[in-house]
């Protein structure tokens, strides 16, 4: 069985088919379906961070997946961190349209990821900052993938009802409380969901800790 992994980095969820003025999550899924068709599905699918939500959405919309593993979808389902403002995507998009990548990225980090201002200030002097600024035009896409799931309210009960394949929902025991709570709530949505907390891990999970968990899940061992 082939494995495929949609992930996002610094919120950059960009389609394999290229950028487009009018973003649509369905085009992300169309790209994934093209990969699945190419390799010969159904596949074992791994999604991480907001890529986990994209993977979940793809399976809900009928992508050929036989088992789904998700790591720390960044849901906000309670008051353990501030929810996203209703105009979050609009504000990020406005900064992008103005050509102010630094403003868009800063807003994503401080509001989207709830990072302290001082931490973000320190990151501006690291080599990764330039790469993240280059990805800033895709940040509104990340917000659209996450739409309605970072509101501080429970997850929509019916949104992924059609997902009936085995689903592993992973989180780190040393990570953010809000992500752990979101993972727990998602895992409560059906008997086909299994929650697994990785000891000592956070959102930046060590592949050496994650790999054996995925292997056991995907092989049924």
Protein backbone atom coordinates (compact mmCIF):
# COMPACT_ATOMS: atom_id res chain seq x y z
CA UNK A 1 0.00 0.00 0.00
CA UNK A 2 1.40 3.39 -1.00
CA UNK A 3 1.72 6.22 1.50
CA UNK A 4 1.19 9.91 0.74
CA UNK A 5 1.73 12.84 3.09
CA UNK A 6 0.23 16.33 2.69
CA UNK A 7 1.89 18.72 5.15
CA UNK A 8 2.18 22.44 5.65
CA UNK A 9 5.15 24.52 6.73
CA UNK A 10 4.63 27.93 8.35
CA UNK A 11 1.07 27.71 7.12
CA UNK A 12 2.09 27.37 3.49
CA UNK A 13 -0.52 25.12 1.91
CA UNK A 14 0.06 25.63 -1.80
CA UNK A 15 -1.29 23.43 -4.56
CA UNK A 16 1.02 21.26 -6.63
CA UNK A 17 -0.75 22.70 -9.68
CA UNK A 18 0.49 26.20 -8.87
CA UNK A 19 -0.89 29.35 -7.31
CA UNK A 20 -4.20 30.89 -8.41
CA UNK A 21 -5.89 34.24 -7.65
CA UNK A 22 -9.05 32.48 -6.44
CA UNK A 23 -8.06 29.82 -3.94
CA UNK A 24 -10.26 26.77 -3.44
CA UNK A 25 -9.56 23.92 -1.01
CA UNK A 26 -11.02 21.55 -3.60
CA UNK A 27 -8.07 22.25 -5.90
CA UNK A 28 -5.74 21.03 -3.16
CA UNK A 29 -7.78 17.84 -3.00
CA UNK A 30 -7.80 17.52 -6.79
CA UNK A 31 -4.00 17.66 -6.74
CA UNK A 32 -3.88 15.00 -4.04
CA UNK A 33 -6.28 12.82 -6.03
CA UNK A 34 -4.03 13.16 -9.07
CA UNK A 35 -1.08 11.89 -7.03
CA UNK A 36 -3.17 9.01 -5.67
CA UNK A 37 -4.26 8.07 -9.18
CA UNK A 38 -0.66 8.22 -10.37
CA UNK A 39 0.67 5.90 -7.67
CA UNK A 40 -2.37 3.64 -7.77
CA UNK A 41 -4.69 4.07 -4.79
CA UNK A 42 -6.09 3.56 -2.34
CA UNK A 43 -3.24 4.95 -0.25
CA UNK A 44 -2.19 5.34 3.35
CA UNK A 45 -2.40 9.07 4.05
CA UNK A 46 -0.54 11.16 6.63
CA UNK A 47 -1.35 14.81 7.32
CA UNK A 48 0.42 17.06 9.81
CA UNK A 49 -0.67 20.37 11.34
CA UNK A 50 -3.14 22.11 8.99
CA UNK A 51 -2.18 19.47 6.44
CA UNK A 52 -3.98 17.04 8.75
CA UNK A 53 -7.19 19.01 8.29
CA UNK A 54 -6.69 19.03 4.52
CA UNK A 55 -6.15 15.25 4.59
CA UNK A 56 -9.28 14.75 6.68
CA UNK A 57 -11.27 16.93 4.30
CA UNK A 58 -9.95 14.98 1.31
CA UNK A 59 -11.10 11.67 2.77
CA UNK A 60 -14.48 13.18 3.63
CA UNK A 61 -14.83 14.25 -0.01
CA UNK A 62 -14.06 10.80 -1.34
CA UNK A 63 -10.29 10.59 -1.94
CA UNK A 64 -9.10 6.97 -2.32
CA UNK A 65 -7.58 6.45 1.13
CA UNK A 66 -7.61 3.20 3.11
CA UNK A 67 -6.20 4.56 6.39
CA UNK A 68 -5.56 8.08 7.64
CA UNK A 69 -3.03 9.32 10.19
CA UNK A 70 -3.20 12.89 11.50
CA UNK A 71 -0.70 14.67 13.73
CA UNK A 72 -1.79 17.69 15.76
CA UNK A 73 -4.41 19.34 13.59
CA UNK A 74 -4.37 22.83 15.17
CA UNK A 75 -8.02 22.93 16.18
CA UNK A 76 -9.11 25.45 18.82
CA UNK A 77 -12.15 23.90 20.50
CA UNK A 78 -12.15 25.62 23.91
CA UNK A 79 -10.70 28.55 25.82
CA UNK A 80 -7.17 27.23 26.26
CA UNK A 81 -5.94 29.76 23.69
CA UNK A 82 -7.55 32.72 21.92
CA UNK A 83 -9.70 31.78 18.91
CA UNK A 84 -9.03 33.20 15.48
CA UNK A 85 -10.81 36.50 14.82
CA UNK A 86 -13.67 36.27 12.34
CA UNK A 87 -11.71 38.50 9.91
CA UNK A 88 -8.43 36.57 10.26
CA UNK A 89 -8.19 35.42 6.63
CA UNK A 90 -9.24 38.84 5.33
CA UNK A 91 -6.52 40.59 7.35
CA UNK A 92 -3.81 38.20 6.21
CA UNK A 93 -4.99 38.52 2.62
CA UNK A 94 -5.01 42.31 2.86
CA UNK A 95 -1.38 42.33 4.00
CA UNK A 96 -0.44 40.02 1.15
CA UNK A 97 -2.23 42.23 -1.40
CA UNK A 98 -0.33 45.24 -0.07
CA UNK A 99 2.88 43.31 -0.67
CA UNK A 100 3.74 43.35 3.04
CA UNK A 101 4.92 39.78 3.58
CA UNK A 102 6.42 40.61 6.98
CA UNK A 103 3.08 41.95 8.23
CA UNK A 104 1.20 38.88 6.96
CA UNK A 105 3.71 36.52 8.50
CA UNK A 106 3.79 38.38 11.81
CA UNK A 107 -0.01 38.31 12.02
CA UNK A 108 -0.05 34.59 11.22
CA UNK A 109 2.51 33.83 13.93
CA UNK A 110 1.09 36.06 16.67
CA UNK A 111 -2.62 35.55 15.99
CA UNK A 112 -2.80 32.35 13.96
CA UNK A 113 -0.28 30.45 16.10
CA UNK A 114 -0.68 32.57 19.25
CA UNK A 115 3.08 33.04 19.60
CA UNK A 116 4.34 35.78 21.96
CA UNK A 117 5.46 39.01 20.30
CA UNK A 118 8.94 38.70 21.76
CA UNK A 119 9.38 35.22 20.30
CA UNK A 120 8.39 36.45 16.86
CA UNK A 121 10.73 39.43 17.17
CA UNK A 122 13.61 37.06 17.82
CA UNK A 123 12.68 34.91 14.82
CA UNK A 124 13.05 37.88 12.47
CA UNK A 125 16.82 37.61 12.89
CA UNK A 126 17.03 33.92 11.97
CA UNK A 127 17.73 32.47 8.49
CA UNK A 128 14.27 30.87 8.32
CA UNK A 129 12.50 34.23 8.35
CA UNK A 130 13.27 35.03 4.69
CA UNK A 131 11.96 31.64 3.60
CA UNK A 132 8.77 32.16 5.59
CA UNK A 133 8.28 35.62 4.09
CA UNK A 134 8.59 34.07 0.64
CA UNK A 135 5.74 31.71 1.57
CA UNK A 136 3.55 34.48 3.00
CA UNK A 137 1.26 34.73 -0.08
CA UNK A 138 -0.02 31.22 0.73
CA UNK A 139 -0.94 32.03 4.34
CA UNK A 140 -4.57 32.92 3.50
CA UNK A 141 -4.92 29.44 2.02
CA UNK A 142 -3.95 27.89 5.32
CA UNK A 143 -6.65 29.95 7.00
CA UNK A 144 -9.24 28.72 4.54
CA UNK A 145 -8.26 25.10 5.13
CA UNK A 146 -8.78 25.69 8.86
CA UNK A 147 -12.00 27.67 8.41
CA UNK A 148 -14.42 27.23 11.30
CA UNK A 149 -12.16 24.92 13.31
CA UNK A 150 -10.21 27.48 15.36
CA UNK A 151 -13.20 29.34 16.75
CA UNK A 152 -12.99 28.14 20.36
CA UNK A 153 -16.17 26.13 19.84
CA UNK A 154 -16.61 22.36 19.45
CA UNK A 155 -15.83 20.87 16.06
CA UNK A 156 -18.77 20.61 13.65
CA UNK A 157 -20.34 17.22 14.31
CA UNK A 158 -21.29 16.45 10.70
CA UNK A 159 -18.39 17.88 8.71
CA UNK A 160 -16.42 14.62 8.51
CA UNK A 161 -19.23 12.14 9.11
CA UNK A 162 -18.44 10.41 5.80
CA UNK A 163 -14.93 9.47 6.99
CA UNK A 164 -15.22 5.75 7.75
CA UNK A 165 -11.64 4.53 7.29
CA UNK A 166 -9.38 3.93 10.32
CA UNK A 167 -8.06 7.27 11.59
CA UNK A 168 -5.11 7.75 13.94
CA UNK A 169 -5.10 11.12 15.70
CA UNK A 170 -1.69 11.89 17.20
CA UNK A 171 -0.60 14.63 19.57
CA UNK A 172 2.45 15.34 21.69
CA UNK A 173 2.32 15.02 25.47
CA UNK A 174 4.66 18.02 25.76
CA UNK A 175 2.85 20.14 23.20
CA UNK A 176 0.23 22.87 23.36
CA UNK A 177 -2.82 22.09 25.47
CA UNK A 178 -5.21 23.41 22.84
CA UNK A 179 -3.86 21.01 20.22
CA UNK A 180 -4.15 18.06 22.57
CA UNK A 181 -7.72 19.05 23.39
CA UNK A 182 -8.55 19.38 19.70
CA UNK A 183 -7.06 15.96 18.98
CA UNK A 184 -9.06 14.42 21.82
CA UNK A 185 -12.30 15.93 20.56
CA UNK A 186 -11.70 14.78 16.99
CA UNK A 187 -10.87 11.26 18.20
CA UNK A 188 -14.23 11.16 19.98
CA UNK A 189 -16.12 11.48 16.70
CA UNK A 190 -16.34 7.76 15.98
CA UNK A 191 -15.19 4.26 16.76
CA UNK A 192 -12.88 4.38 13.73
CA UNK A 193 -10.79 7.14 15.41
CA UNK A 194 -7.87 6.28 17.72
CA UNK A 195 -6.04 8.85 19.85
CA UNK A 196 -2.31 8.40 20.46
CA UNK A 197 -0.21 10.77 22.60
CA UNK A 198 3.53 10.66 21.90
CA UNK A 199 5.54 11.03 25.13
CA UNK A 200 7.76 14.10 25.27
CA UNK A 201 6.80 15.36 21.80
CA UNK A 202 5.39 18.70 20.71
CA UNK A 203 4.21 20.14 17.38
CA UNK A 204 7.72 19.79 15.95
CA UNK A 205 7.58 16.03 16.35
CA UNK A 206 10.73 13.93 16.08
CA UNK A 207 10.33 11.62 13.06
CA UNK A 208 12.08 8.86 15.02
CA UNK A 209 9.28 9.00 17.59
CA UNK A 210 6.49 9.22 15.02
CA UNK A 211 7.68 6.58 12.54
CA UNK A 212 7.11 3.46 14.70
CA UNK A 213 3.64 4.69 15.66
CA UNK A 214 2.72 5.17 12.02
CA UNK A 215 4.19 1.81 11.07
CA UNK A 216 2.18 0.01 13.72
CA UNK A 217 -1.01 1.80 12.73
CA UNK A 218 -0.66 1.37 8.98
CA UNK A 219 0.35 -2.30 9.21
CA UNK A 220 -2.14 -3.18 11.94
CA UNK A 221 0.59 -4.58 14.14
